[in-house]
Amino acid sequence: MKSDVSSGEILVADHNGVYVIKMSGDVRLTLCIPFDNCIENLIKQDDFCTVLFDLNEAYGLDSTTLGLIAKLAVKSQTKHNKAPLLLCKDPAIKRLIMSMGLDDICEMVSDVPNSCSATYRNNGFTHLEPSQQADESVLKSKILESHYALMELNKTNHETFKDLVQTLRES
């Protein structure tokens, strides 16, 4: 089944502890709850050793998505002291990644490394379904958590998102 990537989608696969998170289209807030649940589940896996974020088919990533990428990258480094790989060829997405400081916690590459190619041959990708009617308090909590992750990366992000975070905390 082919999905409409204009609305964005996230696919997840693993092979021997290498987890691939493939994002396509315009990945937005509607995927933050299933993406965060995925992060929490995969970080608990005994075989978890690294992550490859494939952003080659993404043309839009909102700040909540970027914050969740940061969250997983930090957890991955904490658990295995190894920077996740971030596969990206699009210059605009690369600029976005670098402007948020994600290139400081992920290794940016242009092609799939040989060590990850087996995962790509794996047809076992799981499609994360967007949240249809998420509880507002859960959604707000995920948005706050993802923006805190971005704010912790650097001072620029802290300044960029502090007003948003304050507004969400007060609402």
Protein backbone atom coordinates (compact mmCIF):
# COMPACT_ATOMS: atom_id res chain seq x y z
CA MET A 1 0.00 0.00 0.00
CA LYS A 2 1.45 3.34 -1.00
CA SER A 3 0.74 6.25 1.31
CA ASP A 4 0.45 9.94 0.56
CA VAL A 5 3.89 11.19 1.58
CA SER A 6 2.75 14.79 1.32
CA SER A 7 1.23 14.32 4.75
CA GLY A 8 4.40 12.72 6.04
CA GLU A 9 5.17 9.27 7.27
CA ILE A 10 7.64 7.44 9.46
CA LEU A 11 8.76 3.88 8.81
CA VAL A 12 10.84 1.85 11.28
CA ALA A 13 12.90 -1.30 10.73
CA ASP A 14 15.67 -3.06 12.58
CA HIS A 15 18.39 -5.55 11.86
CA ASN A 16 20.59 -6.88 14.64
CA GLY A 17 20.11 -3.79 16.80
CA VAL A 18 20.54 -1.23 14.02
CA TYR A 19 17.26 0.69 13.86
CA VAL A 20 16.34 2.61 10.73
CA ILE A 21 13.85 5.45 11.02
CA LYS A 22 12.84 6.55 7.55
CA MET A 23 10.91 9.80 7.22
CA SER A 24 9.07 10.82 4.07
CA GLY A 25 7.13 13.89 3.03
CA ASP A 26 6.26 16.64 5.48
CA VAL A 27 6.65 15.08 8.94
CA ARG A 28 4.65 17.01 11.51
CA LEU A 29 3.03 17.03 14.91
CA THR A 30 0.48 14.31 14.08
CA LEU A 31 3.29 11.76 14.21
CA CYS A 32 4.88 12.92 17.47
CA ILE A 33 3.01 10.57 19.81
CA PRO A 34 3.61 7.39 17.79
CA PHE A 35 7.22 8.47 17.10
CA ASP A 36 7.87 9.14 20.79
CA ASN A 37 6.28 5.79 21.73
CA CYS A 38 8.55 4.14 19.15
CA ILE A 39 11.60 5.87 20.66
CA GLU A 40 10.70 4.70 24.16
CA ASN A 41 10.19 1.12 22.95
CA LEU A 42 13.32 0.78 20.85
CA ILE A 43 15.67 2.30 23.42
CA LYS A 44 14.55 -0.46 25.82
CA GLN A 45 15.44 -3.25 23.37
CA ASP A 46 18.33 -5.42 24.54
CA ASP A 47 19.82 -5.53 21.05
CA PHE A 48 19.63 -1.75 20.48
CA CYS A 49 23.03 -0.48 19.36
CA THR A 50 22.48 2.46 16.98
CA VAL A 51 20.04 4.43 14.83
CA LEU A 52 20.06 5.51 11.22
CA PHE A 53 17.70 8.39 10.45
CA ASP A 54 16.92 8.35 6.72
CA LEU A 55 15.67 11.80 5.74
CA ASN A 56 16.26 11.49 1.99
CA GLU A 57 12.53 11.43 1.20
CA ALA A 58 11.56 14.12 3.71
CA TYR A 59 10.98 17.65 2.53
CA GLY A 60 9.63 19.07 5.78
CA LEU A 61 10.32 18.44 9.47
CA ASP A 62 8.71 20.52 12.18
CA SER A 63 10.46 21.44 15.42
CA THR A 64 8.63 18.73 17.38
CA THR A 65 9.96 16.07 15.00
CA LEU A 66 13.46 17.55 15.19
CA GLY A 67 13.24 17.53 18.98
CA LEU A 68 12.29 13.86 19.00
CA ILE A 69 15.23 13.09 16.70
CA ALA A 70 17.43 14.93 19.23
CA LYS A 71 15.90 12.98 22.10
CA LEU A 72 16.65 9.63 20.46
CA ALA A 73 20.13 10.72 19.40
CA VAL A 74 21.01 11.76 22.96
CA LYS A 75 19.59 8.52 24.41
CA SER A 76 21.50 6.49 21.84
CA GLN A 77 24.76 8.26 22.67
CA THR A 78 24.13 7.87 26.39
CA LYS A 79 23.46 4.15 26.05
CA HIS A 80 26.26 3.26 23.61
CA ASN A 81 28.49 6.33 23.32
CA LYS A 82 27.96 6.21 19.55
CA ALA A 83 26.53 9.00 17.40
CA PRO A 84 23.53 7.96 15.30
CA LEU A 85 23.77 8.33 11.54
CA LEU A 86 21.66 10.87 9.74
CA LEU A 87 21.21 10.16 6.03
CA CYS A 88 20.38 13.34 4.15
CA LYS A 89 21.09 14.67 0.65
CA ASP A 90 18.65 17.60 0.44
CA PRO A 91 20.52 20.90 1.03
CA ALA A 92 17.49 22.55 2.69
CA ILE A 93 17.01 19.68 5.15
CA LYS A 94 20.77 19.65 5.83
CA ARG A 95 20.65 23.38 6.65
CA LEU A 96 17.69 22.79 8.97
CA ILE A 97 19.53 19.94 10.73
CA MET A 98 22.66 22.06 11.14
CA SER A 99 20.71 25.14 12.28
CA MET A 100 19.26 23.10 15.14
CA GLY A 101 22.63 21.60 16.09
CA LEU A 102 21.63 18.04 15.32
CA ASP A 103 24.84 17.61 13.33
CA ASP A 104 26.66 17.95 16.67
CA ILE A 105 25.00 14.80 18.02
CA CYS A 106 24.52 12.83 14.78
CA GLU A 107 26.95 11.90 12.04
CA MET A 108 25.58 13.19 8.73
CA VAL A 109 26.13 10.89 5.74
CA SER A 110 24.95 10.92 2.13
CA ASP A 111 24.66 7.18 1.47
CA VAL A 112 23.69 4.11 3.46
CA PRO A 113 26.82 2.64 5.06
CA ASN A 114 27.59 -1.01 4.24
CA SER A 115 27.00 -1.91 7.89
CA CYS A 116 23.36 -0.77 7.54
CA SER A 117 22.59 -2.10 4.07
CA ALA A 118 21.11 -5.36 5.40
CA THR A 119 18.45 -3.36 7.22
CA TYR A 120 17.45 -1.76 3.94
CA ARG A 121 17.02 -5.16 2.32
CA ASN A 122 14.73 -6.08 5.20
CA ASN A 123 11.09 -5.75 4.13
CA GLY A 124 10.02 -5.50 7.76
CA PHE A 125 9.40 -1.77 7.93
CA THR A 126 6.63 -0.81 10.33
CA HIS A 127 4.53 2.21 9.46
CA LEU A 128 3.80 4.58 12.37
CA GLU A 129 0.20 5.71 12.20
CA PRO A 130 -0.55 9.40 12.87
CA SER A 131 -2.46 10.27 16.02
CA GLN A 132 -6.07 10.91 15.07
CA GLN A 133 -7.52 12.20 18.32
CA ALA A 134 -4.69 12.53 20.77
CA ASP A 135 -5.37 13.61 24.31
CA GLU A 136 -4.46 17.30 24.48
CA SER A 137 -2.40 16.93 27.66
CA VAL A 138 -0.38 14.04 26.19
CA LEU A 139 0.23 15.99 22.99
CA LYS A 140 1.30 19.06 24.95
CA SER A 141 3.65 16.94 27.05
CA LYS A 142 5.30 15.48 23.92
CA ILE A 143 5.67 18.92 22.35
CA LEU A 144 7.28 20.27 25.53
CA GLU A 145 9.63 17.30 25.86
CA SER A 146 10.78 17.53 22.25
CA HIS A 147 11.42 21.27 22.50
CA TYR A 148 13.32 20.82 25.75
CA ALA A 149 15.55 18.35 23.88
CA LEU A 150 16.24 20.97 21.20
CA MET A 151 16.82 23.70 23.79
CA GLU A 152 19.47 21.60 25.50
CA LEU A 153 21.51 21.31 22.29
CA ASN A 154 22.64 24.95 22.17
CA LYS A 155 21.97 28.54 23.25
CA THR A 156 20.44 29.52 19.91
CA ASN A 157 17.77 26.82 20.24
CA HIS A 158 17.19 27.84 23.85
CA GLU A 159 16.47 31.41 22.78
CA THR A 160 14.40 30.30 19.78
CA PHE A 161 12.06 28.02 21.72
CA LYS A 162 11.94 29.51 25.25
CA ASP A 163 8.80 31.60 24.56
CA LEU A 164 6.98 28.66 22.99
CA VAL A 165 7.86 26.42 25.93
CA GLN A 166 6.81 29.08 28.44
CA THR A 167 3.47 29.57 26.65
CA LEU A 168 2.81 25.82 26.58
CA ARG A 169 3.69 25.45 30.27
CA GLU A 170 1.29 28.25 31.20
CA SER A 171 -1.61 26.97 29.10
